[in-house]
Full PDB file with SEQRES, HELIX, SHEET, SSBOND, CRYST1, ORIGX, SCALE, CONECT and MASTER records, all heavy atoms in Angstrom:
SEQRES   1 A   35  ARG ARG ALA SER VAL THR ALA LEU SER ALA ARG GLY GLY          
SEQRES   2 A   35  PRO ALA SER VAL ALA SER LEU ARG TRP ALA ALA GLU ALA          
SEQRES   3 A   35  ASP ALA SER THR GLU VAL ARG GLN ALA                          
HELIX    1 AA1 ARG A    2  ARG A   11  1                                  10    
HELIX    2 AA2 PRO A   14  ALA A   26  1                                  13    
HELIX    3 AA3 THR A   30  GLN A   34  1                                   5    
CRYST1    1.000    1.000    1.000  90.00  90.00  90.00 P 1           1          
ORIGX1      1.000000  0.000000  0.000000        0.00000                         
ORIGX2      0.000000  1.000000  0.000000        0.00000                         
ORIGX3      0.000000  0.000000  1.000000        0.00000                         
SCALE1      1.000000  0.000000  0.000000        0.00000                         
SCALE2      0.000000  1.000000  0.000000        0.00000                         
SCALE3      0.000000  0.000000  1.000000        0.00000                         
ATOM      1  N   ARG A   1     -17.735 -32.564   5.063  1.00  0.00           N  
ATOM      2  CA  ARG A   1     -18.769 -33.487   5.465  1.00  0.00           C  
ATOM      3  C   ARG A   1     -19.836 -32.660   6.272  1.00  0.00           C  
ATOM      4  O   ARG A   1     -20.986 -32.931   6.069  1.00  0.00           O  
ATOM      5  CB  ARG A   1     -18.234 -34.564   6.390  1.00  0.00           C  
ATOM      6  CG  ARG A   1     -17.148 -35.474   5.655  1.00  0.00           C  
ATOM      7  CD  ARG A   1     -17.006 -36.794   6.374  1.00  0.00           C  
ATOM      8  NE  ARG A   1     -16.596 -36.720   7.766  1.00  0.00           N  
ATOM      9  CZ  ARG A   1     -15.401 -36.590   8.161  1.00  0.00           C  
ATOM     10  NH1 ARG A   1     -14.398 -36.516   7.300  1.00  0.00           N  
ATOM     11  NH2 ARG A   1     -15.074 -36.565   9.504  1.00  0.00           N  
ATOM     12  N   ARG A   2     -19.345 -31.780   7.096  1.00  0.00           N  
ATOM     13  CA  ARG A   2     -20.346 -30.898   7.804  1.00  0.00           C  
ATOM     14  C   ARG A   2     -21.177 -29.999   6.802  1.00  0.00           C  
ATOM     15  O   ARG A   2     -22.413 -29.886   6.975  1.00  0.00           O  
ATOM     16  CB  ARG A   2     -19.581 -29.947   8.699  1.00  0.00           C  
ATOM     17  CG  ARG A   2     -20.410 -28.881   9.377  1.00  0.00           C  
ATOM     18  CD  ARG A   2     -21.385 -29.454  10.395  1.00  0.00           C  
ATOM     19  NE  ARG A   2     -22.215 -28.410  10.979  1.00  0.00           N  
ATOM     20  CZ  ARG A   2     -21.842 -27.747  12.026  1.00  0.00           C  
ATOM     21  NH1 ARG A   2     -20.810 -27.916  12.724  1.00  0.00           N  
ATOM     22  NH2 ARG A   2     -22.808 -26.836  12.486  1.00  0.00           N  
ATOM     23  N   ALA A   3     -20.510 -29.529   5.745  1.00  0.00           N  
ATOM     24  CA  ALA A   3     -21.259 -28.808   4.774  1.00  0.00           C  
ATOM     25  C   ALA A   3     -22.278 -29.613   4.011  1.00  0.00           C  
ATOM     26  O   ALA A   3     -23.402 -29.260   3.686  1.00  0.00           O  
ATOM     27  CB  ALA A   3     -20.318 -28.183   3.782  1.00  0.00           C  
ATOM     28  N   SER A   4     -21.923 -30.889   3.763  1.00  0.00           N  
ATOM     29  CA  SER A   4     -22.848 -31.755   3.080  1.00  0.00           C  
ATOM     30  C   SER A   4     -24.073 -32.105   3.886  1.00  0.00           C  
ATOM     31  O   SER A   4     -25.171 -32.255   3.526  1.00  0.00           O  
ATOM     32  CB  SER A   4     -22.168 -33.052   2.629  1.00  0.00           C  
ATOM     33  OG  SER A   4     -21.756 -33.814   3.745  1.00  0.00           O  
ATOM     34  N   VAL A   5     -23.804 -32.264   5.243  1.00  0.00           N  
ATOM     35  CA  VAL A   5     -24.844 -32.459   6.163  1.00  0.00           C  
ATOM     36  C   VAL A   5     -25.826 -31.276   6.183  1.00  0.00           C  
ATOM     37  O   VAL A   5     -27.076 -31.379   6.179  1.00  0.00           O  
ATOM     38  CB  VAL A   5     -24.333 -32.676   7.547  1.00  0.00           C  
ATOM     39  CG1 VAL A   5     -25.397 -32.618   8.681  1.00  0.00           C  
ATOM     40  CG2 VAL A   5     -23.748 -34.114   7.715  1.00  0.00           C  
ATOM     41  N   THR A   6     -25.304 -30.070   6.154  1.00  0.00           N  
ATOM     42  CA  THR A   6     -26.111 -28.831   6.015  1.00  0.00           C  
ATOM     43  C   THR A   6     -26.933 -28.860   4.824  1.00  0.00           C  
ATOM     44  O   THR A   6     -28.106 -28.459   4.823  1.00  0.00           O  
ATOM     45  CB  THR A   6     -25.164 -27.584   6.118  1.00  0.00           C  
ATOM     46  OG1 THR A   6     -24.473 -27.618   7.274  1.00  0.00           O  
ATOM     47  CG2 THR A   6     -26.034 -26.357   5.992  1.00  0.00           C  
ATOM     48  N   ALA A   7     -26.363 -29.247   3.731  1.00  0.00           N  
ATOM     49  CA  ALA A   7     -27.062 -29.276   2.407  1.00  0.00           C  
ATOM     50  C   ALA A   7     -28.256 -30.338   2.503  1.00  0.00           C  
ATOM     51  O   ALA A   7     -29.382 -30.085   2.098  1.00  0.00           O  
ATOM     52  CB  ALA A   7     -26.123 -29.649   1.362  1.00  0.00           C  
ATOM     53  N   LEU A   8     -27.994 -31.445   3.060  1.00  0.00           N  
ATOM     54  CA  LEU A   8     -29.041 -32.465   3.216  1.00  0.00           C  
ATOM     55  C   LEU A   8     -30.096 -32.030   4.098  1.00  0.00           C  
ATOM     56  O   LEU A   8     -31.312 -32.335   3.875  1.00  0.00           O  
ATOM     57  CB  LEU A   8     -28.421 -33.783   3.661  1.00  0.00           C  
ATOM     58  CG  LEU A   8     -27.426 -34.544   2.763  1.00  0.00           C  
ATOM     59  CD1 LEU A   8     -26.705 -35.633   3.572  1.00  0.00           C  
ATOM     60  CD2 LEU A   8     -28.221 -35.124   1.610  1.00  0.00           C  
ATOM     61  N   SER A   9     -29.752 -31.325   5.123  1.00  0.00           N  
ATOM     62  CA  SER A   9     -30.801 -30.794   6.119  1.00  0.00           C  
ATOM     63  C   SER A   9     -31.680 -29.828   5.454  1.00  0.00           C  
ATOM     64  O   SER A   9     -32.826 -29.625   5.769  1.00  0.00           O  
ATOM     65  CB  SER A   9     -30.073 -30.215   7.348  1.00  0.00           C  
ATOM     66  OG  SER A   9     -29.217 -31.089   7.969  1.00  0.00           O  
ATOM     67  N   ALA A  10     -31.178 -29.089   4.434  1.00  0.00           N  
ATOM     68  CA  ALA A  10     -31.944 -28.104   3.727  1.00  0.00           C  
ATOM     69  C   ALA A  10     -32.798 -28.782   2.694  1.00  0.00           C  
ATOM     70  O   ALA A  10     -33.970 -28.335   2.467  1.00  0.00           O  
ATOM     71  CB  ALA A  10     -31.073 -27.127   3.049  1.00  0.00           C  
ATOM     72  N   ARG A  11     -32.323 -29.863   2.010  1.00  0.00           N  
ATOM     73  CA  ARG A  11     -33.087 -30.485   1.018  1.00  0.00           C  
ATOM     74  C   ARG A  11     -34.258 -31.228   1.500  1.00  0.00           C  
ATOM     75  O   ARG A  11     -35.339 -31.191   1.011  1.00  0.00           O  
ATOM     76  CB  ARG A  11     -32.201 -31.512   0.223  1.00  0.00           C  
ATOM     77  CG  ARG A  11     -31.198 -30.766  -0.705  1.00  0.00           C  
ATOM     78  CD  ARG A  11     -30.495 -31.862  -1.624  1.00  0.00           C  
ATOM     79  NE  ARG A  11     -31.421 -32.402  -2.497  1.00  0.00           N  
ATOM     80  CZ  ARG A  11     -31.765 -31.930  -3.671  1.00  0.00           C  
ATOM     81  NH1 ARG A  11     -31.269 -30.738  -3.998  1.00  0.00           N  
ATOM     82  NH2 ARG A  11     -32.632 -32.508  -4.546  1.00  0.00           N  
ATOM     83  N   GLY A  12     -34.014 -32.041   2.604  1.00  0.00           N  
ATOM     84  CA  GLY A  12     -35.120 -32.873   3.053  1.00  0.00           C  
ATOM     85  C   GLY A  12     -35.414 -34.084   2.165  1.00  0.00           C  
ATOM     86  O   GLY A  12     -34.696 -34.333   1.192  1.00  0.00           O  
ATOM     87  N   GLY A  13     -36.464 -34.772   2.510  1.00  0.00           N  
ATOM     88  CA  GLY A  13     -36.849 -35.912   1.767  1.00  0.00           C  
ATOM     89  C   GLY A  13     -36.299 -37.201   2.393  1.00  0.00           C  
ATOM     90  O   GLY A  13     -35.236 -37.109   3.120  1.00  0.00           O  
ATOM     91  N   PRO A  14     -36.883 -38.417   2.048  1.00  0.00           N  
ATOM     92  CA  PRO A  14     -36.381 -39.612   2.567  1.00  0.00           C  
ATOM     93  C   PRO A  14     -34.865 -39.933   2.364  1.00  0.00           C  
ATOM     94  O   PRO A  14     -34.226 -40.441   3.245  1.00  0.00           O  
ATOM     95  CB  PRO A  14     -37.273 -40.698   1.993  1.00  0.00           C  
ATOM     96  CG  PRO A  14     -38.536 -39.932   1.674  1.00  0.00           C  
ATOM     97  CD  PRO A  14     -38.022 -38.576   1.249  1.00  0.00           C  
ATOM     98  N   ALA A  15     -34.431 -39.676   1.222  1.00  0.00           N  
ATOM     99  CA  ALA A  15     -33.029 -39.934   0.861  1.00  0.00           C  
ATOM    100  C   ALA A  15     -32.104 -39.129   1.708  1.00  0.00           C  
ATOM    101  O   ALA A  15     -31.024 -39.550   2.154  1.00  0.00           O  
ATOM    102  CB  ALA A  15     -32.746 -39.600  -0.646  1.00  0.00           C  
ATOM    103  N   SER A  16     -32.379 -37.844   1.910  1.00  0.00           N  
ATOM    104  CA  SER A  16     -31.616 -37.027   2.801  1.00  0.00           C  
ATOM    105  C   SER A  16     -31.580 -37.459   4.199  1.00  0.00           C  
ATOM    106  O   SER A  16     -30.596 -37.555   4.907  1.00  0.00           O  
ATOM    107  CB  SER A  16     -32.097 -35.577   2.753  1.00  0.00           C  
ATOM    108  OG  SER A  16     -31.905 -34.963   1.463  1.00  0.00           O  
ATOM    109  N   VAL A  17     -32.807 -37.922   4.730  1.00  0.00           N  
ATOM    110  CA  VAL A  17     -32.845 -38.471   6.102  1.00  0.00           C  
ATOM    111  C   VAL A  17     -31.979 -39.662   6.293  1.00  0.00           C  
ATOM    112  O   VAL A  17     -31.271 -39.890   7.290  1.00  0.00           O  
ATOM    113  CB  VAL A  17     -34.248 -38.823   6.443  1.00  0.00           C  
ATOM    114  CG1 VAL A  17     -34.382 -39.502   7.795  1.00  0.00           C  
ATOM    115  CG2 VAL A  17     -35.181 -37.496   6.439  1.00  0.00           C  
ATOM    116  N   ALA A  18     -32.032 -40.549   5.251  1.00  0.00           N  
ATOM    117  CA  ALA A  18     -31.234 -41.795   5.354  1.00  0.00           C  
ATOM    118  C   ALA A  18     -29.764 -41.452   5.455  1.00  0.00           C  
ATOM    119  O   ALA A  18     -29.000 -42.120   6.193  1.00  0.00           O  
ATOM    120  CB  ALA A  18     -31.472 -42.693   4.101  1.00  0.00           C  
ATOM    121  N   SER A  19     -29.287 -40.440   4.606  1.00  0.00           N  
ATOM    122  CA  SER A  19     -27.845 -40.108   4.690  1.00  0.00           C  
ATOM    123  C   SER A  19     -27.577 -39.380   5.945  1.00  0.00           C  
ATOM    124  O   SER A  19     -26.459 -39.571   6.534  1.00  0.00           O  
ATOM    125  CB  SER A  19     -27.570 -39.108   3.478  1.00  0.00           C  
ATOM    126  OG  SER A  19     -27.720 -39.866   2.297  1.00  0.00           O  
ATOM    127  N   LEU A  20     -28.435 -38.593   6.510  1.00  0.00           N  
ATOM    128  CA  LEU A  20     -28.158 -37.894   7.853  1.00  0.00           C  
ATOM    129  C   LEU A  20     -28.059 -38.915   8.911  1.00  0.00           C  
ATOM    130  O   LEU A  20     -27.198 -38.842   9.856  1.00  0.00           O  
ATOM    131  CB  LEU A  20     -29.328 -36.907   8.061  1.00  0.00           C  
ATOM    132  CG  LEU A  20     -29.327 -35.657   7.236  1.00  0.00           C  
ATOM    133  CD1 LEU A  20     -30.542 -34.852   7.456  1.00  0.00           C  
ATOM    134  CD2 LEU A  20     -28.110 -34.799   7.597  1.00  0.00           C  
ATOM    135  N   ARG A  21     -28.889 -39.938   8.863  1.00  0.00           N  
ATOM    136  CA  ARG A  21     -28.827 -40.965   9.907  1.00  0.00           C  
ATOM    137  C   ARG A  21     -27.481 -41.709   9.842  1.00  0.00           C  
ATOM    138  O   ARG A  21     -26.870 -41.909  10.881  1.00  0.00           O  
ATOM    139  CB  ARG A  21     -29.948 -41.979   9.774  1.00  0.00           C  
ATOM    140  CG  ARG A  21     -29.883 -43.120  10.723  1.00  0.00           C  
ATOM    141  CD  ARG A  21     -31.035 -44.049  10.708  1.00  0.00           C  
ATOM    142  NE  ARG A  21     -30.727 -45.133  11.636  1.00  0.00           N  
ATOM    143  CZ  ARG A  21     -31.618 -46.053  11.921  1.00  0.00           C  
ATOM    144  NH1 ARG A  21     -32.800 -45.997  11.420  1.00  0.00           N  
ATOM    145  NH2 ARG A  21     -31.357 -47.054  12.836  1.00  0.00           N  
ATOM    146  N   TRP A  22     -27.060 -41.995   8.628  1.00  0.00           N  
ATOM    147  CA  TRP A  22     -25.779 -42.674   8.470  1.00  0.00           C  
ATOM    148  C   TRP A  22     -24.609 -41.821   9.080  1.00  0.00           C  
ATOM    149  O   TRP A  22     -23.755 -42.309   9.824  1.00  0.00           O  
ATOM    150  CB  TRP A  22     -25.532 -43.000   6.993  1.00  0.00           C  
ATOM    151  CG  TRP A  22     -24.148 -43.568   6.693  1.00  0.00           C  
ATOM    152  CD1 TRP A  22     -23.844 -44.873   6.745  1.00  0.00           C  
ATOM    153  CD2 TRP A  22     -22.930 -42.858   6.395  1.00  0.00           C  
ATOM    154  NE1 TRP A  22     -22.543 -45.087   6.523  1.00  0.00           N  
ATOM    155  CE2 TRP A  22     -21.970 -43.934   6.283  1.00  0.00           C  
ATOM    156  CE3 TRP A  22     -22.583 -41.546   6.270  1.00  0.00           C  
ATOM    157  CZ2 TRP A  22     -20.631 -43.542   5.966  1.00  0.00           C  
ATOM    158  CZ3 TRP A  22     -21.298 -41.230   5.971  1.00  0.00           C  
ATOM    159  CH2 TRP A  22     -20.290 -42.181   5.826  1.00  0.00           C  
ATOM    160  N   ALA A  23     -24.702 -40.494   8.811  1.00  0.00           N  
ATOM    161  CA  ALA A  23     -23.703 -39.635   9.305  1.00  0.00           C  
ATOM    162  C   ALA A  23     -23.765 -39.556  10.861  1.00  0.00           C  
ATOM    163  O   ALA A  23     -22.640 -39.530  11.530  1.00  0.00           O  
ATOM    164  CB  ALA A  23     -23.841 -38.167   8.746  1.00  0.00           C  
ATOM    165  N   ALA A  24     -24.928 -39.502  11.389  1.00  0.00           N  
ATOM    166  CA  ALA A  24     -25.126 -39.514  12.855  1.00  0.00           C  
ATOM    167  C   ALA A  24     -24.498 -40.705  13.486  1.00  0.00           C  
ATOM    168  O   ALA A  24     -23.946 -40.602  14.603  1.00  0.00           O  
ATOM    169  CB  ALA A  24     -26.513 -39.265  13.218  1.00  0.00           C  
ATOM    170  N   GLU A  25     -24.616 -41.845  12.814  1.00  0.00           N  
ATOM    171  CA  GLU A  25     -24.182 -43.043  13.496  1.00  0.00           C  
ATOM    172  C   GLU A  25     -22.596 -43.370  13.228  1.00  0.00           C  
ATOM    173  O   GLU A  25     -22.022 -43.894  14.027  1.00  0.00           O  
ATOM    174  CB  GLU A  25     -25.018 -44.244  12.897  1.00  0.00           C  
ATOM    175  CG  GLU A  25     -26.451 -44.211  13.368  1.00  0.00           C  
ATOM    176  CD  GLU A  25     -27.264 -45.410  12.868  1.00  0.00           C  
ATOM    177  OE1 GLU A  25     -27.208 -45.615  11.616  1.00  0.00           O  
ATOM    178  OE2 GLU A  25     -27.907 -46.109  13.660  1.00  0.00           O  
ATOM    179  N   ALA A  26     -22.209 -42.921  11.986  1.00  0.00           N  
ATOM    180  CA  ALA A  26     -20.934 -43.455  11.533  1.00  0.00           C  
ATOM    181  C   ALA A  26     -19.787 -42.459  11.431  1.00  0.00           C  
ATOM    182  O   ALA A  26     -18.623 -42.807  11.352  1.00  0.00           O  
ATOM    183  CB  ALA A  26     -21.148 -44.163  10.139  1.00  0.00           C  
ATOM    184  N   ASP A  27     -20.152 -41.108  11.412  1.00  0.00           N  
ATOM    185  CA  ASP A  27     -19.049 -40.222  11.168  1.00  0.00           C  
ATOM    186  C   ASP A  27     -18.087 -40.133  12.390  1.00  0.00           C  
ATOM    187  O   ASP A  27     -18.526 -40.250  13.584  1.00  0.00           O  
ATOM    188  CB  ASP A  27     -19.599 -38.768  10.899  1.00  0.00           C  
ATOM    189  CG  ASP A  27     -18.580 -37.915  10.168  1.00  0.00           C  
ATOM    190  OD1 ASP A  27     -17.783 -37.334  10.871  1.00  0.00           O  
ATOM    191  OD2 ASP A  27     -18.747 -37.787   8.935  1.00  0.00           O  
ATOM    192  N   ALA A  28     -16.805 -39.950  12.053  1.00  0.00           N  
ATOM    193  CA  ALA A  28     -15.749 -39.961  13.150  1.00  0.00           C  
ATOM    194  C   ALA A  28     -15.749 -38.601  13.836  1.00  0.00           C  
ATOM    195  O   ALA A  28     -15.196 -38.499  14.935  1.00  0.00           O  
ATOM    196  CB  ALA A  28     -14.419 -40.179  12.416  1.00  0.00           C  
ATOM    197  N   SER A  29     -16.359 -37.494  13.270  1.00  0.00           N  
ATOM    198  CA  SER A  29     -16.373 -36.232  13.891  1.00  0.00           C  
ATOM    199  C   SER A  29     -17.622 -36.015  14.771  1.00  0.00           C  
ATOM    200  O   SER A  29     -18.714 -36.157  14.331  1.00  0.00           O  
ATOM    201  CB  SER A  29     -16.277 -35.181  12.845  1.00  0.00           C  
ATOM    202  OG  SER A  29     -16.564 -33.870  13.320  1.00  0.00           O  
ATOM    203  N   THR A  30     -17.364 -35.615  16.001  1.00  0.00           N  
ATOM    204  CA  THR A  30     -18.443 -35.295  16.954  1.00  0.00           C  
ATOM    205  C   THR A  30     -19.240 -34.189  16.363  1.00  0.00           C  
ATOM    206  O   THR A  30     -20.549 -34.146  16.478  1.00  0.00           O  
ATOM    207  CB  THR A  30     -17.910 -34.958  18.381  1.00  0.00           C  
ATOM    208  OG1 THR A  30     -17.086 -35.995  18.848  1.00  0.00           O  
ATOM    209  CG2 THR A  30     -19.017 -34.606  19.300  1.00  0.00           C  
ATOM    210  N   GLU A  31     -18.562 -33.158  15.790  1.00  0.00           N  
ATOM    211  CA  GLU A  31     -19.335 -32.029  15.242  1.00  0.00           C  
ATOM    212  C   GLU A  31     -20.251 -32.428  14.090  1.00  0.00           C  
ATOM    213  O   GLU A  31     -21.379 -31.923  14.002  1.00  0.00           O  
ATOM    214  CB  GLU A  31     -18.320 -30.986  14.781  1.00  0.00           C  
ATOM    215  CG  GLU A  31     -18.960 -29.708  14.333  1.00  0.00           C  
ATOM    216  CD  GLU A  31     -17.944 -28.632  13.909  1.00  0.00           C  
ATOM    217  OE1 GLU A  31     -17.092 -28.947  13.031  1.00  0.00           O  
ATOM    218  OE2 GLU A  31     -17.939 -27.543  14.409  1.00  0.00           O  
ATOM    219  N   VAL A  32     -19.755 -33.309  13.222  1.00  0.00           N  
ATOM    220  CA  VAL A  32     -20.559 -33.738  12.041  1.00  0.00           C  
ATOM    221  C   VAL A  32     -21.705 -34.560  12.559  1.00  0.00           C  
ATOM    222  O   VAL A  32     -22.833 -34.432  12.120  1.00  0.00           O  
ATOM    223  CB  VAL A  32     -19.722 -34.574  11.105  1.00  0.00           C  
ATOM    224  CG1 VAL A  32     -20.641 -35.086   9.915  1.00  0.00           C  
ATOM    225  CG2 VAL A  32     -18.628 -33.655  10.460  1.00  0.00           C  
ATOM    226  N   ARG A  33     -21.517 -35.419  13.520  1.00  0.00           N  
ATOM    227  CA  ARG A  33     -22.583 -36.269  14.112  1.00  0.00           C  
ATOM    228  C   ARG A  33     -23.703 -35.411  14.747  1.00  0.00           C  
ATOM    229  O   ARG A  33     -24.868 -35.620  14.462  1.00  0.00           O  
ATOM    230  CB  ARG A  33     -22.089 -37.268  15.111  1.00  0.00           C  
ATOM    231  CG  ARG A  33     -21.139 -38.373  14.549  1.00  0.00           C  
ATOM    232  CD  ARG A  33     -21.028 -39.507  15.545  1.00  0.00           C  
ATOM    233  NE  ARG A  33     -20.507 -39.108  16.825  1.00  0.00           N  
ATOM    234  CZ  ARG A  33     -19.270 -39.050  17.155  1.00  0.00           C  
ATOM    235  NH1 ARG A  33     -18.298 -39.385  16.212  1.00  0.00           N  
ATOM    236  NH2 ARG A  33     -18.865 -38.696  18.346  1.00  0.00           N  
ATOM    237  N   GLN A  34     -23.297 -34.337  15.446  1.00  0.00           N  
ATOM    238  CA  GLN A  34     -24.209 -33.472  16.059  1.00  0.00           C  
ATOM    239  C   GLN A  34     -25.070 -32.714  14.968  1.00  0.00           C  
ATOM    240  O   GLN A  34     -26.225 -32.489  15.157  1.00  0.00           O  
ATOM    241  CB  GLN A  34     -23.540 -32.539  17.011  1.00  0.00           C  
ATOM    242  CG  GLN A  34     -24.518 -31.575  17.783  1.00  0.00           C  
ATOM    243  CD  GLN A  34     -25.549 -32.392  18.661  1.00  0.00           C  
ATOM    244  OE1 GLN A  34     -25.158 -33.242  19.386  1.00  0.00           O  
ATOM    245  NE2 GLN A  34     -26.803 -32.034  18.448  1.00  0.00           N  
ATOM    246  N   ALA A  35     -24.256 -32.276  13.992  1.00  0.00           N  
ATOM    247  CA  ALA A  35     -24.981 -31.541  12.825  1.00  0.00           C  
ATOM    248  C   ALA A  35     -26.043 -32.393  12.134  1.00  0.00           C  
ATOM    249  O   ALA A  35     -27.110 -31.919  11.814  1.00  0.00           O  
ATOM    250  CB  ALA A  35     -23.952 -31.049  11.829  1.00  0.00           C  
TER     251      ALA A  35                                                      
MASTER        0    0    0    3    0    0    0    6  250    1    0    3          
END                                                                             
């Protein structure tokens, strides 16, 4: 999950932002949320 967050951060675009927001709000891992 952390690696996928890194990938989305590199890609950019509205779809990536939406997924990153979901991860920041919902992921169970503090590390993933921070990423």
